[in-house]
PDB file of N, CA and C in Angstrom:
ATOM      1  N   MET A   1     -43.775 -11.943  24.522  1.00  0.00           N
ATOM      2  CA  MET A   1     -42.409 -11.154  23.954  1.00  0.00           C
ATOM      3  C   MET A   1     -41.302 -12.212  24.026  1.00  0.00           C
ATOM      4  N   PHE A   2     -40.867 -13.028  25.003  1.00  0.00           N
ATOM      5  CA  PHE A   2     -40.162 -13.036  25.960  1.00  0.00           C
ATOM      6  C   PHE A   2     -40.045 -15.526  24.841  1.00  0.00           C
ATOM      7  N   GLN A   3     -40.882 -15.300  24.907  1.00  0.00           N
ATOM      8  CA  GLN A   3     -41.000 -16.576  23.379  1.00  0.00           C
ATOM      9  C   GLN A   3     -40.614 -15.907  21.879  1.00  0.00           C
ATOM     10  N   LYS A   4     -40.334 -15.167  21.488  1.00  0.00           N
ATOM     11  CA  LYS A   4     -40.596 -14.835  20.186  1.00  0.00           C
ATOM     12  C   LYS A   4     -38.672 -14.150  20.326  1.00  0.00           C
ATOM     13  N   ILE A   5     -37.788 -14.118  21.954  1.00  0.00           N
ATOM     14  CA  ILE A   5     -36.745 -13.298  21.799  1.00  0.00           C
ATOM     15  C   ILE A   5     -36.578 -14.569  21.656  1.00  0.00           C
ATOM     16  N   LYS A   6     -36.649 -15.402  22.398  1.00  0.00           N
ATOM     17  CA  LYS A   6     -36.109 -16.658  22.897  1.00  0.00           C
ATOM     18  C   LYS A   6     -35.557 -17.630  20.806  1.00  0.00           C
ATOM     19  N   ARG A   7     -36.798 -17.933  20.331  1.00  0.00           N
ATOM     20  CA  ARG A   7     -36.885 -18.232  18.818  1.00  0.00           C
ATOM     21  C   ARG A   7     -36.077 -17.506  18.504  1.00  0.00           C
ATOM     22  N   MET A   8     -35.691 -16.284  17.875  1.00  0.00           N
ATOM     23  CA  MET A   8     -34.377 -14.991  17.207  1.00  0.00           C
ATOM     24  C   MET A   8     -33.738 -15.988  18.154  1.00  0.00           C
ATOM     25  N   TYR A   9     -33.249 -15.955  18.984  1.00  0.00           N
ATOM     26  CA  TYR A   9     -31.932 -16.765  19.612  1.00  0.00           C
ATOM     27  C   TYR A   9     -31.304 -17.777  18.887  1.00  0.00           C
ATOM     28  N   ARG A  10     -31.933 -18.367  18.942  1.00  0.00           N
ATOM     29  CA  ARG A  10     -31.950 -20.114  18.844  1.00  0.00           C
ATOM     30  C   ARG A  10     -31.892 -20.037  16.735  1.00  0.00           C
ATOM     31  N   LYS A  11     -32.299 -19.494  16.175  1.00  0.00           N
ATOM     32  CA  LYS A  11     -32.505 -18.664  14.680  1.00  0.00           C
ATOM     33  C   LYS A  11     -30.693 -18.495  14.578  1.00  0.00           C
ATOM     34  N   ALA A  12     -30.162 -18.039  15.822  1.00  0.00           N
ATOM     35  CA  ALA A  12     -29.327 -16.732  15.182  1.00  0.00           C
ATOM     36  C   ALA A  12     -27.967 -17.704  15.952  1.00  0.00           C
ATOM     37  N   LYS A  13     -27.627 -18.545  16.767  1.00  0.00           N
ATOM     38  CA  LYS A  13     -27.521 -19.747  16.991  1.00  0.00           C
ATOM     39  C   LYS A  13     -26.774 -20.103  16.648  1.00  0.00           C
ATOM     40  N   GLY A  14     -27.351 -20.745  15.136  1.00  0.00           N
ATOM     41  CA  GLY A  14     -27.390 -21.451  14.328  1.00  0.00           C
ATOM     42  C   GLY A  14     -27.262 -21.315  13.645  1.00  0.00           C
ATOM     43  N   PHE A  15     -27.805 -20.145  12.516  1.00  0.00           N
ATOM     44  CA  PHE A  15     -26.426 -19.897  12.014  1.00  0.00           C
ATOM     45  C   PHE A  15     -24.986 -19.843  11.965  1.00  0.00           C
ATOM     46  N   VAL A  16     -25.018 -19.028  13.634  1.00  0.00           N
ATOM     47  CA  VAL A  16     -22.993 -18.560  14.172  1.00  0.00           C
ATOM     48  C   VAL A  16     -22.699 -19.708  13.732  1.00  0.00           C
ATOM     49  N   LYS A  17     -22.955 -21.128  14.428  1.00  0.00           N
ATOM     50  CA  LYS A  17     -23.273 -22.668  13.938  1.00  0.00           C
ATOM     51  C   LYS A  17     -22.072 -22.476  12.641  1.00  0.00           C
ATOM     52  N   GLY A  18     -23.104 -22.757  12.032  1.00  0.00           N
ATOM     53  CA  GLY A  18     -22.432 -23.074  10.476  1.00  0.00           C
ATOM     54  C   GLY A  18     -21.549 -21.756   9.936  1.00  0.00           C
ATOM     55  N   VAL A  19     -21.316 -21.225  10.138  1.00  0.00           N
ATOM     56  CA  VAL A  19     -20.353 -20.199   9.790  1.00  0.00           C
ATOM     57  C   VAL A  19     -18.210 -20.434  10.107  1.00  0.00           C
ATOM     58  N   SER A  20     -17.836 -20.368   9.456  1.00  0.00           N
ATOM     59  CA  SER A  20     -17.034 -20.629   9.224  1.00  0.00           C
ATOM     60  C   SER A  20     -15.969 -19.512  10.397  1.00  0.00           C
ATOM     61  N   THR A  21     -15.186 -19.741  10.839  1.00  0.00           N
ATOM     62  CA  THR A  21     -13.823 -19.097  12.042  1.00  0.00           C
ATOM     63  C   THR A  21     -13.769 -17.328  11.883  1.00  0.00           C
ATOM     64  N   GLN A  22     -12.946 -17.820  10.823  1.00  0.00           N
ATOM     65  CA  GLN A  22     -12.761 -16.899  10.271  1.00  0.00           C
ATOM     66  C   GLN A  22     -13.555 -15.605   9.821  1.00  0.00           C
ATOM     67  N   VAL A  23     -14.573 -15.919   9.447  1.00  0.00           N
ATOM     68  CA  VAL A  23     -15.519 -14.799   9.209  1.00  0.00           C
ATOM     69  C   VAL A  23     -16.591 -13.980  10.734  1.00  0.00           C
ATOM     70  N   LYS A  24     -16.433 -15.225  11.759  1.00  0.00           N
ATOM     71  CA  LYS A  24     -16.535 -15.123  12.747  1.00  0.00           C
ATOM     72  C   LYS A  24     -15.635 -13.426  13.792  1.00  0.00           C
ATOM     73  N   MET A  25     -13.777 -14.044  13.270  1.00  0.00           N
ATOM     74  CA  MET A  25     -13.444 -13.577  13.644  1.00  0.00           C
ATOM     75  C   MET A  25     -13.656 -11.975  13.268  1.00  0.00           C
ATOM     76  N   LEU A  26     -13.297 -12.353  11.214  1.00  0.00           N
ATOM     77  CA  LEU A  26     -14.026 -10.869  11.108  1.00  0.00           C
ATOM     78  C   LEU A  26     -14.898 -10.136  11.721  1.00  0.00           C
ATOM     79  N   ALA A  27     -15.910 -10.379  11.373  1.00  0.00           N
ATOM     80  CA  ALA A  27     -16.736 -10.012  11.656  1.00  0.00           C
ATOM     81  C   ALA A  27     -16.834  -8.979  13.601  1.00  0.00           C
ATOM     82  N   PHE A  28     -16.296 -10.200  14.412  1.00  0.00           N
ATOM     83  CA  PHE A  28     -16.115  -9.913  15.711  1.00  0.00           C
ATOM     84  C   PHE A  28     -14.934  -7.897  15.929  1.00  0.00           C
ATOM     85  N   ALA A  29     -13.092  -7.871  15.078  1.00  0.00           N
ATOM     86  CA  ALA A  29     -12.852  -7.763  14.928  1.00  0.00           C
ATOM     87  C   ALA A  29     -13.960  -6.225  14.112  1.00  0.00           C
ATOM     88  N   LEU A  30     -13.990  -6.261  13.360  1.00  0.00           N
ATOM     89  CA  LEU A  30     -15.493  -5.318  12.452  1.00  0.00           C
ATOM     90  C   LEU A  30     -15.657  -4.594  14.451  1.00  0.00           C
ATOM     91  N   LEU A  31     -16.499  -5.497  13.897  1.00  0.00           N
ATOM     92  CA  LEU A  31     -17.668  -4.776  15.497  1.00  0.00           C
ATOM     93  C   LEU A  31     -16.972  -3.848  16.459  1.00  0.00           C
ATOM     94  N   THR A  32     -15.883  -4.671  17.361  1.00  0.00           N
ATOM     95  CA  THR A  32     -14.855  -4.163  18.457  1.00  0.00           C
ATOM     96  C   THR A  32     -14.161  -3.191  17.930  1.00  0.00           C
ATOM     97  N   GLY A  33     -13.869  -2.663  16.524  1.00  0.00           N
ATOM     98  CA  GLY A  33     -12.574  -2.490  16.637  1.00  0.00           C
ATOM     99  C   GLY A  33     -13.245  -0.281  16.316  1.00  0.00           C
ATOM    100  N   THR A  34     -14.665   0.071  15.341  1.00  0.00           N
ATOM    101  CA  THR A  34     -14.849   0.655  15.028  1.00  0.00           C
ATOM    102  C   THR A  34     -14.937   1.587  15.990  1.00  0.00           C
ATOM    103  N   PRO A  35     -16.024   1.072  17.285  1.00  0.00           N
ATOM    104  CA  PRO A  35     -15.945   2.345  18.333  1.00  0.00           C
ATOM    105  C   PRO A  35     -14.768   2.808  19.453  1.00  0.00           C
ATOM    106  N   ALA A  36     -13.466   1.865  18.808  1.00  0.00           N
ATOM    107  CA  ALA A  36     -12.497   2.247  19.386  1.00  0.00           C
ATOM    108  C   ALA A  36     -11.589   3.119  18.546  1.00  0.00           C
ATOM    109  N   MET A  37     -11.737   3.272  17.781  1.00  0.00           N
ATOM    110  CA  MET A  37     -11.063   4.602  16.977  1.00  0.00           C
ATOM    111  C   MET A  37     -11.998   5.751  16.715  1.00  0.00           C
ATOM    112  N   ALA A  38     -13.467   5.296  16.691  1.00  0.00           N
ATOM    113  CA  ALA A  38     -13.996   7.032  17.377  1.00  0.00           C
ATOM    114  C   ALA A  38     -13.136   8.357  18.024  1.00  0.00           C
ATOM    115  N   GLN A  39     -13.085   9.597  18.408  1.00  0.00           N
ATOM    116  CA  GLN A  39     -12.192  10.575  19.266  1.00  0.00           C
ATOM    117  C   GLN A  39     -13.120  10.983  19.822  1.00  0.00           C
ATOM    118  N   SER A  40     -12.788  10.859  21.288  1.00  0.00           N
ATOM    119  CA  SER A  40     -13.369  11.308  22.496  1.00  0.00           C
ATOM    120  C   SER A  40     -14.070  12.928  21.734  1.00  0.00           C
ATOM    121  N   THR A  41     -13.643  13.483  21.617  1.00  0.00           N
ATOM    122  CA  THR A  41     -13.745  15.137  21.022  1.00  0.00           C
ATOM    123  C   THR A  41     -14.249  15.025  19.527  1.00  0.00           C
ATOM    124  N   ALA A  42     -15.244  14.351  19.750  1.00  0.00           N
ATOM    125  CA  ALA A  42     -16.293  14.631  17.682  1.00  0.00           C
ATOM    126  C   ALA A  42     -16.875  16.094  16.836  1.00  0.00           C
ATOM    127  N   GLY A  43     -17.094  16.651  18.777  1.00  0.00           N
ATOM    128  CA  GLY A  43     -16.952  17.932  17.906  1.00  0.00           C
ATOM    129  C   GLY A  43     -15.750  19.124  17.634  1.00  0.00           C
ATOM    130  N   ASP A  44     -14.847  19.020  18.057  1.00  0.00           N
ATOM    131  CA  ASP A  44     -13.376  19.662  17.713  1.00  0.00           C
ATOM    132  C   ASP A  44     -12.851  18.939  17.260  1.00  0.00           C
ATOM    133  N   TYR A  45     -12.595  19.962  15.739  1.00  0.00           N
ATOM    134  CA  TYR A  45     -11.643  19.549  14.743  1.00  0.00           C
ATOM    135  C   TYR A  45     -10.056  20.016  14.592  1.00  0.00           C
ATOM    136  N   SER A  46      -9.566  20.503  15.399  1.00  0.00           N
ATOM    137  CA  SER A  46      -8.662  20.961  15.933  1.00  0.00           C
ATOM    138  C   SER A  46      -7.580  19.592  15.930  1.00  0.00           C
ATOM    139  N   ALA A  47      -7.722  19.254  16.948  1.00  0.00           N
ATOM    140  CA  ALA A  47      -6.208  18.090  17.152  1.00  0.00           C
ATOM    141  C   ALA A  47      -6.604  16.955  15.767  1.00  0.00           C
ATOM    142  N   GLY A  48      -7.386  17.124  14.992  1.00  0.00           N
ATOM    143  CA  GLY A  48      -7.151  16.051  13.694  1.00  0.00           C
ATOM    144  C   GLY A  48      -6.445  16.777  12.251  1.00  0.00           C
ATOM    145  N   THR A  49      -7.259  18.651  11.987  1.00  0.00           N
ATOM    146  CA  THR A  49      -6.777  19.433  11.592  1.00  0.00           C
ATOM    147  C   THR A  49      -5.054  19.724  12.089  1.00  0.00           C
ATOM    148  N   THR A  50      -4.809  19.600  12.862  1.00  0.00           N
ATOM    149  CA  THR A  50      -3.316  19.653  13.795  1.00  0.00           C
ATOM    150  C   THR A  50      -2.506  18.441  13.553  1.00  0.00           C
ATOM    151  N   ALA A  51      -2.840  17.770  13.066  1.00  0.00           N
ATOM    152  CA  ALA A  51      -2.434  16.327  12.709  1.00  0.00           C
ATOM    153  C   ALA A  51      -1.879  15.904  11.364  1.00  0.00           C
ATOM    154  N   LEU A  52      -3.579  16.345  11.160  1.00  0.00           N
ATOM    155  CA  LEU A  52      -2.639  16.038   9.654  1.00  0.00           C
ATOM    156  C   LEU A  52      -1.532  17.245   8.477  1.00  0.00           C
ATOM    157  N   SER A  53      -1.444  18.483   9.144  1.00  0.00           N
ATOM    158  CA  SER A  53      -0.763  19.072   8.551  1.00  0.00           C
ATOM    159  C   SER A  53       0.683  18.892   9.039  1.00  0.00           C
ATOM    160  N   THR A  54       0.542  17.796  10.324  1.00  0.00           N
ATOM    161  CA  THR A  54       2.229  17.497  10.611  1.00  0.00           C
ATOM    162  C   THR A  54       2.376  16.639   9.995  1.00  0.00           C
ATOM    163  N   VAL A  55       1.489  16.163   9.646  1.00  0.00           N
ATOM    164  CA  VAL A  55       2.105  15.313   8.667  1.00  0.00           C
ATOM    165  C   VAL A  55       2.426  15.550   7.329  1.00  0.00           C
ATOM    166  N   ALA A  56       2.019  16.474   6.479  1.00  0.00           N
ATOM    167  CA  ALA A  56       2.252  17.253   5.405  1.00  0.00           C
ATOM    168  C   ALA A  56       3.019  17.415   5.472  1.00  0.00           C
ATOM    169  N   GLU A  57       3.238  18.051   6.824  1.00  0.00           N
ATOM    170  CA  GLU A  57       4.759  18.428   7.206  1.00  0.00           C
ATOM    171  C   GLU A  57       5.954  17.991   6.447  1.00  0.00           C
ATOM    172  N   GLU A  58       5.515  16.229   7.673  1.00  0.00           N
ATOM    173  CA  GLU A  58       6.652  14.947   7.491  1.00  0.00           C
ATOM    174  C   GLU A  58       7.224  14.767   6.294  1.00  0.00           C
ATOM    175  N   ILE A  59       5.639  14.597   5.807  1.00  0.00           N
ATOM    176  CA  ILE A  59       6.374  14.025   4.549  1.00  0.00           C
ATOM    177  C   ILE A  59       7.169  14.869   3.129  1.00  0.00           C
ATOM    178  N   VAL A  60       6.466  16.620   3.158  1.00  0.00           N
ATOM    179  CA  VAL A  60       8.010  17.182   1.936  1.00  0.00           C
ATOM    180  C   VAL A  60       9.151  16.668   2.936  1.00  0.00           C
ATOM    181  N   LYS A  61       9.435  16.883   3.706  1.00  0.00           N
ATOM    182  CA  LYS A  61      11.171  16.078   4.459  1.00  0.00           C
ATOM    183  C   LYS A  61      11.885  14.754   3.674  1.00  0.00           C
ATOM    184  N   TYR A  62      10.279  14.122   3.678  1.00  0.00           N
ATOM    185  CA  TYR A  62      11.044  12.833   2.581  1.00  0.00           C
ATOM    186  C   TYR A  62      11.036  12.669   1.171  1.00  0.00           C
ATOM    187  N   VAL A  63      10.435  13.325   1.368  1.00  0.00           N
ATOM    188  CA  VAL A  63      10.511  13.615  -0.944  1.00  0.00           C
ATOM    189  C   VAL A  63      11.707  13.437  -1.607  1.00  0.00           C
ATOM    190  N   PRO A  64      12.342  14.104  -1.069  1.00  0.00           N
ATOM    191  CA  PRO A  64      13.565  14.104  -2.204  1.00  0.00           C
ATOM    192  C   PRO A  64      14.498  12.996  -1.279  1.00  0.00           C
ATOM    193  N   ILE A  65      13.919  13.005  -0.141  1.00  0.00           N
ATOM    194  CA  ILE A  65      15.764  11.412   0.286  1.00  0.00           C
ATOM    195  C   ILE A  65      14.658  10.105  -1.113  1.00  0.00           C
ATOM    196  N   MET A  66      13.633  10.278  -0.791  1.00  0.00           N
ATOM    197  CA  MET A  66      12.736   8.901  -1.530  1.00  0.00           C
ATOM    198  C   MET A  66      12.715   9.271  -3.334  1.00  0.00           C
ATOM    199  N   VAL A  67      12.788  10.478  -4.039  1.00  0.00           N
ATOM    200  CA  VAL A  67      13.839  10.990  -4.554  1.00  0.00           C
ATOM    201  C   VAL A  67      14.918  10.532  -5.778  1.00  0.00           C
ATOM    202  N   LYS A  68      15.723  10.378  -4.490  1.00  0.00           N
ATOM    203  CA  LYS A  68      16.926  10.468  -4.978  1.00  0.00           C
ATOM    204  C   LYS A  68      17.032   8.708  -4.503  1.00  0.00           C
ATOM    205  N   LEU A  69      16.372   7.574  -3.740  1.00  0.00           N
ATOM    206  CA  LEU A  69      16.656   6.704  -3.733  1.00  0.00           C
ATOM    207  C   LEU A  69      15.687   6.159  -4.940  1.00  0.00           C
ATOM    208  N   CYS A  70      14.945   6.519  -5.819  1.00  0.00           N
ATOM    209  CA  CYS A  70      14.093   5.753  -6.853  1.00  0.00           C
ATOM    210  C   CYS A  70      15.480   5.733  -8.179  1.00  0.00           C
ATOM    211  N   TYR A  71      16.326   7.370  -7.901  1.00  0.00           N
ATOM    212  CA  TYR A  71      17.520   7.378  -9.062  1.00  0.00           C
ATOM    213  C   TYR A  71      18.089   6.500  -9.000  1.00  0.00           C
ATOM    214  N   ALA A  72      18.346   5.761  -7.444  1.00  0.00           N
ATOM    215  CA  ALA A  72      19.694   4.340  -7.137  1.00  0.00           C
ATOM    216  C   ALA A  72      19.246   3.491  -7.255  1.00  0.00           C
ATOM    217  N   ILE A  73      17.480   2.737  -7.897  1.00  0.00           N
ATOM    218  CA  ILE A  73      17.369   1.499  -7.289  1.00  0.00           C
ATOM    219  C   ILE A  73      17.522   1.460  -9.269  1.00  0.00           C
ATOM    220  N   ALA A  74      17.075   2.833  -9.950  1.00  0.00           N
ATOM    221  CA  ALA A  74      16.795   2.799 -11.460  1.00  0.00           C
ATOM    222  C   ALA A  74      18.806   2.115 -11.316  1.00  0.00           C
ATOM    223  N   GLY A  75      20.172   2.848 -11.614  1.00  0.00           N
ATOM    224  CA  GLY A  75      20.558   3.064 -12.130  1.00  0.00           C
ATOM    225  C   GLY A  75      21.117   1.240 -11.571  1.00  0.00           C
ATOM    226  N   VAL A  76      21.046   0.418  -9.738  1.00  0.00           N
ATOM    227  CA  VAL A  76      21.475  -0.370  -9.826  1.00  0.00           C
ATOM    228  C   VAL A  76      20.219  -1.803 -10.903  1.00  0.00           C
ATOM    229  N   VAL A  77      19.238  -0.734 -11.119  1.00  0.00           N
ATOM    230  CA  VAL A  77      18.193  -2.437 -12.028  1.00  0.00           C
ATOM    231  C   VAL A  77      19.755  -2.035 -13.425  1.00  0.00           C
ATOM    232  N   ALA A  78      20.308  -0.728 -13.745  1.00  0.00           N
ATOM    233  CA  ALA A  78      20.458  -1.128 -15.402  1.00  0.00           C
ATOM    234  C   ALA A  78      21.827  -1.481 -15.158  1.00  0.00           C
ATOM    235  N   ILE A  79      22.375  -1.075 -14.000  1.00  0.00           N
ATOM    236  CA  ILE A  79      24.178  -1.971 -14.120  1.00  0.00           C
ATOM    237  C   ILE A  79      23.364  -3.719 -13.956  1.00  0.00           C
ATOM    238  N   VAL A  80      23.048  -4.322 -12.836  1.00  0.00           N
ATOM    239  CA  VAL A  80      22.624  -6.171 -13.197  1.00  0.00           C
ATOM    240  C   VAL A  80      21.998  -6.168 -14.118  1.00  0.00           C
ATOM    241  N   GLY A  81      21.242  -5.487 -14.834  1.00  0.00           N
ATOM    242  CA  GLY A  81      20.027  -5.725 -15.707  1.00  0.00           C
ATOM    243  C   GLY A  81      21.297  -5.807 -17.163  1.00  0.00           C
ATOM    244  N   ALA A  82      22.112  -5.158 -17.744  1.00  0.00           N
ATOM    245  CA  ALA A  82      23.565  -4.527 -18.127  1.00  0.00           C
ATOM    246  C   ALA A  82      23.794  -6.133 -18.337  1.00  0.00           C
ATOM    247  N   ILE A  83      24.452  -6.461 -16.862  1.00  0.00           N
ATOM    248  CA  ILE A  83      24.894  -8.351 -16.714  1.00  0.00           C
ATOM    249  C   ILE A  83      23.896  -9.196 -17.649  1.00  0.00           C
ATOM    250  N   SER A  84      22.692  -9.098 -16.926  1.00  0.00           N
ATOM    251  CA  SER A  84      22.376 -10.153 -17.390  1.00  0.00           C
ATOM    252  C   SER A  84      22.095  -9.927 -18.417  1.00  0.00           C
ATOM    253  N   VAL A  85      21.733  -8.656 -20.022  1.00  0.00           N
ATOM    254  CA  VAL A  85      21.960  -8.689 -20.992  1.00  0.00           C
ATOM    255  C   VAL A  85      23.426 -10.044 -21.695  1.00  0.00           C
ATOM    256  N   TYR A  86      24.219  -8.961 -21.262  1.00  0.00           N
ATOM    257  CA  TYR A  86      25.620  -9.179 -21.050  1.00  0.00           C
ATOM    258  C   TYR A  86      25.963 -10.801 -21.882  1.00  0.00           C
ATOM    259  N   ILE A  87      25.178 -11.591 -20.746  1.00  0.00           N
ATOM    260  CA  ILE A  87      25.721 -13.043 -20.176  1.00  0.00           C
ATOM    261  C   ILE A  87      24.566 -13.496 -21.574  1.00  0.00           C
ATOM    262  N   ALA A  88      23.497 -13.401 -21.572  1.00  0.00           N
ATOM    263  CA  ALA A  88      22.164 -13.792 -22.263  1.00  0.00           C
ATOM    264  C   ALA A  88      23.234 -13.394 -24.086  1.00  0.00           C
ATOM    265  N   MET A  89      23.619 -12.574 -24.277  1.00  0.00           N
ATOM    266  CA  MET A  89      24.169 -12.226 -25.983  1.00  0.00           C
ATOM    267  C   MET A  89      25.459 -13.457 -25.702  1.00  0.00           C
ATOM    268  N   ASN A  90      26.136 -13.825 -24.617  1.00  0.00           N
ATOM    269  CA  ASN A  90      26.858 -14.211 -24.978  1.00  0.00           C
ATOM    270  C   ASN A  90      27.193 -16.193 -24.757  1.00  0.00           C
ATOM    271  N   ASN A  91      25.325 -16.569 -24.342  1.00  0.00           N
ATOM    272  CA  ASN A  91      25.222 -16.957 -24.206  1.00  0.00           C
ATOM    273  C   ASN A  91      24.523 -17.833 -25.491  1.00  0.00           C
ATOM    274  N   GLU A  92      23.888 -16.798 -26.312  1.00  0.00           N
ATOM    275  CA  GLU A  92      23.627 -17.016 -28.075  1.00  0.00           C
ATOM    276  C   GLU A  92      21.980 -17.023 -27.054  1.00  0.00           C
ATOM    277  N   GLU A  93      21.592 -16.726 -26.537  1.00  0.00           N
ATOM    278  CA  GLU A  93      20.094 -17.261 -26.453  1.00  0.00           C
ATOM    279  C   GLU A  93      19.177 -16.505 -27.077  1.00  0.00           C
ATOM    280  N   GLN A  94      17.146 -16.886 -26.822  1.00  0.00           N
ATOM    281  CA  GLN A  94      16.799 -16.325 -28.108  1.00  0.00           C
ATOM    282  C   GLN A  94      16.525 -15.238 -27.511  1.00  0.00           C
ATOM    283  N   ASP A  95      15.969 -15.074 -26.174  1.00  0.00           N
ATOM    284  CA  ASP A  95      15.327 -14.240 -26.044  1.00  0.00           C
ATOM    285  C   ASP A  95      15.863 -12.448 -25.525  1.00  0.00           C
ATOM    286  N   VAL A  96      16.919 -12.223 -26.407  1.00  0.00           N
ATOM    287  CA  VAL A  96      17.870 -10.669 -25.478  1.00  0.00           C
ATOM    288  C   VAL A  96      16.628 -10.537 -25.460  1.00  0.00           C
ATOM    289  N   LYS A  97      16.053  -9.504 -26.456  1.00  0.00           N
ATOM    290  CA  LYS A  97      15.354  -8.275 -26.987  1.00  0.00           C
ATOM    291  C   LYS A  97      14.772  -8.969 -25.825  1.00  0.00           C
ATOM    292  N   LYS A  98      13.276  -9.223 -25.297  1.00  0.00           N
ATOM    293  CA  LYS A  98      12.950  -9.014 -23.958  1.00  0.00           C
ATOM    294  C   LYS A  98      13.516  -8.809 -23.283  1.00  0.00           C
ATOM    295  N   LYS A  99      14.699  -8.718 -22.426  1.00  0.00           N
ATOM    296  CA  LYS A  99      15.646  -8.879 -21.528  1.00  0.00           C
ATOM    297  C   LYS A  99      16.167  -7.853 -21.624  1.00  0.00           C
ATOM    298  N   ILE A 100      16.311  -7.042 -22.766  1.00  0.00           N
ATOM    299  CA  ILE A 100      16.883  -5.102 -22.982  1.00  0.00           C
ATOM    300  C   ILE A 100      15.603  -4.641 -23.107  1.00  0.00           C
ATOM    301  N   MET A 101      14.053  -5.319 -23.655  1.00  0.00           N
ATOM    302  CA  MET A 101      12.927  -3.914 -22.762  1.00  0.00           C
ATOM    303  C   MET A 101      12.598  -4.213 -21.949  1.00  0.00           C
ATOM    304  N   MET A 102      12.546  -5.456 -21.045  1.00  0.00           N
ATOM    305  CA  MET A 102      12.599  -5.190 -20.066  1.00  0.00           C
ATOM    306  C   MET A 102      13.627  -4.668 -18.104  1.00  0.00           C
ATOM    307  N   VAL A 103      14.633  -4.190 -18.876  1.00  0.00           N
ATOM    308  CA  VAL A 103      15.055  -3.853 -18.057  1.00  0.00           C
ATOM    309  C   VAL A 103      14.874  -2.203 -18.438  1.00  0.00           C
ATOM    310  N   VAL A 104      14.930  -1.939 -19.864  1.00  0.00           N
ATOM    311  CA  VAL A 104      15.333  -0.170 -19.765  1.00  0.00           C
ATOM    312  C   VAL A 104      13.324  -0.043 -19.620  1.00  0.00           C
ATOM    313  N   GLY A 105      12.411  -0.650 -19.216  1.00  0.00           N
ATOM    314  CA  GLY A 105      11.744  -0.803 -18.667  1.00  0.00           C
ATOM    315  C   GLY A 105      11.416  -0.081 -17.372  1.00  0.00           C
ATOM    316  N   ALA A 106      12.375  -1.054 -16.447  1.00  0.00           N
ATOM    317  CA  ALA A 106      12.057  -1.310 -15.669  1.00  0.00           C
ATOM    318  C   ALA A 106      12.602  -0.096 -14.735  1.00  0.00           C
ATOM    319  N   CYS A 107      14.051   0.778 -16.028  1.00  0.00           N
ATOM    320  CA  CYS A 107      13.988   1.722 -15.984  1.00  0.00           C
ATOM    321  C   CYS A 107      13.715   3.343 -16.015  1.00  0.00           C
ATOM    322  N   ILE A 108      12.328   3.749 -17.258  1.00  0.00           N
ATOM    323  CA  ILE A 108      12.164   4.237 -17.359  1.00  0.00           C
ATOM    324  C   ILE A 108      11.576   4.462 -16.478  1.00  0.00           C
ATOM    325  N   PHE A 109      10.126   3.230 -16.136  1.00  0.00           N
ATOM    326  CA  PHE A 109       9.542   3.836 -14.757  1.00  0.00           C
ATOM    327  C   PHE A 109       9.696   4.378 -13.645  1.00  0.00           C
ATOM    328  N   LEU A 110      11.158   3.797 -12.957  1.00  0.00           N
ATOM    329  CA  LEU A 110      11.601   4.210 -11.889  1.00  0.00           C
ATOM    330  C   LEU A 110      12.007   5.811 -11.972  1.00  0.00           C
ATOM    331  N   ILE A 111      12.639   6.516 -13.449  1.00  0.00           N
ATOM    332  CA  ILE A 111      13.229   7.948 -13.905  1.00  0.00           C
ATOM    333  C   ILE A 111      11.570   8.231 -13.472  1.00  0.00           C
ATOM    334  N   ALA A 112      10.556   7.868 -14.248  1.00  0.00           N
ATOM    335  CA  ALA A 112       9.131   8.776 -14.148  1.00  0.00           C
ATOM    336  C   ALA A 112       8.725   8.675 -12.707  1.00  0.00           C
ATOM    337  N   ALA A 113       9.257   7.349 -12.353  1.00  0.00           N
ATOM    338  CA  ALA A 113       7.867   8.073 -11.033  1.00  0.00           C
ATOM    339  C   ALA A 113       8.960   8.401  -9.417  1.00  0.00           C
ATOM    340  N   ALA A 114       9.841   9.060  -9.939  1.00  0.00           N
ATOM    341  CA  ALA A 114      11.036   9.786  -9.099  1.00  0.00           C
ATOM    342  C   ALA A 114      10.733  11.280  -9.559  1.00  0.00           C
ATOM    343  N   GLN A 115      10.129  11.648 -10.960  1.00  0.00           N
ATOM    344  CA  GLN A 115      10.010  12.541 -11.259  1.00  0.00           C
ATOM    345  C   GLN A 115       8.312  13.378 -10.834  1.00  0.00           C
ATOM    346  N   ALA A 116       7.970  11.650 -11.209  1.00  0.00           N
ATOM    347  CA  ALA A 116       6.226  12.381 -10.944  1.00  0.00           C
ATOM    348  C   ALA A 116       5.453  12.293  -8.644  1.00  0.00           C
ATOM    349  N   LEU A 117       6.754  11.823  -8.219  1.00  0.00           N
ATOM    350  CA  LEU A 117       6.500  11.349  -6.403  1.00  0.00           C
ATOM    351  C   LEU A 117       6.198  13.037  -5.831  1.00  0.00           C
ATOM    352  N   PRO A 118       7.061  13.824  -6.297  1.00  0.00           N
ATOM    353  CA  PRO A 118       6.873  15.130  -6.056  1.00  0.00           C
ATOM    354  C   PRO A 118       5.259  16.031  -5.951  1.00  0.00           C
ATOM    355  N   LEU A 119       5.405  15.765  -7.719  1.00  0.00           N
ATOM    356  CA  LEU A 119       4.228  16.437  -8.432  1.00  0.00           C
ATOM    357  C   LEU A 119       2.669  15.713  -7.435  1.00  0.00           C
ATOM    358  N   PHE A 120       3.039  15.036  -7.413  1.00  0.00           N
ATOM    359  CA  PHE A 120       2.046  14.070  -6.443  1.00  0.00           C
ATOM    360  C   PHE A 120       1.254  14.285  -5.322  1.00  0.00           C
ATOM    361  N   PHE A 121       1.851  14.510  -4.362  1.00  0.00           N
ATOM    362  CA  PHE A 121       2.779  15.252  -3.342  1.00  0.00           C
ATOM    363  C   PHE A 121       2.052  17.047  -3.307  1.00  0.00           C
ATOM    364  N   GLY A 122       1.873  17.827  -4.631  1.00  0.00           N
ATOM    365  CA  GLY A 122       2.186  19.022  -4.697  1.00  0.00           C
ATOM    366  C   GLY A 122       3.224  19.646  -3.661  1.00  0.00           C
ATOM    367  N   ILE A 123       4.875  18.773  -4.624  1.00  0.00           N
ATOM    368  CA  ILE A 123       5.606  19.687  -4.428  1.00  0.00           C
ATOM    369  C   ILE A 123       6.128  19.697  -5.355  1.00  0.00           C
ATOM    370  N   ASP A 124       6.763  21.388  -4.709  1.00  0.00           N
ATOM    371  CA  ASP A 124       7.564  22.452  -6.087  1.00  0.00           C
ATOM    372  C   ASP A 124       9.273  21.831  -6.042  1.00  0.00           C
ATOM    373  N   ALA A 125       9.782  20.938  -6.706  1.00  0.00           N
ATOM    374  CA  ALA A 125      10.721  20.232  -7.120  1.00  0.00           C
ATOM    375  C   ALA A 125      11.816  21.119  -7.718  1.00  0.00           C
TER     376      ALA A 125
END
């Protein structure tokens, strides 16, 4: 029996020598980190439920701020993009249409994201 274990140990040791350091570190992190993340109260779910409801309430507070931030970023993108397009038109560059479409697309995306953000979190704004 002891000889079998010794043989298995040698095989494992030979296998580990061929593995890169990054893979060893990843395996170590996964194997040691998982038990550390487990909760001590496995049967009591009230702590987790309370934490999730607290997080949901805090997210609701930040959504209007993020919507306004998206609108502000869209405004800055529009102004900088308009200046960039104006400079490109004055220099008679060939890809002016492409620049215009990129700026308009970015602004539309930011405005759509600002509209969809409350809906994503289930908030009636």
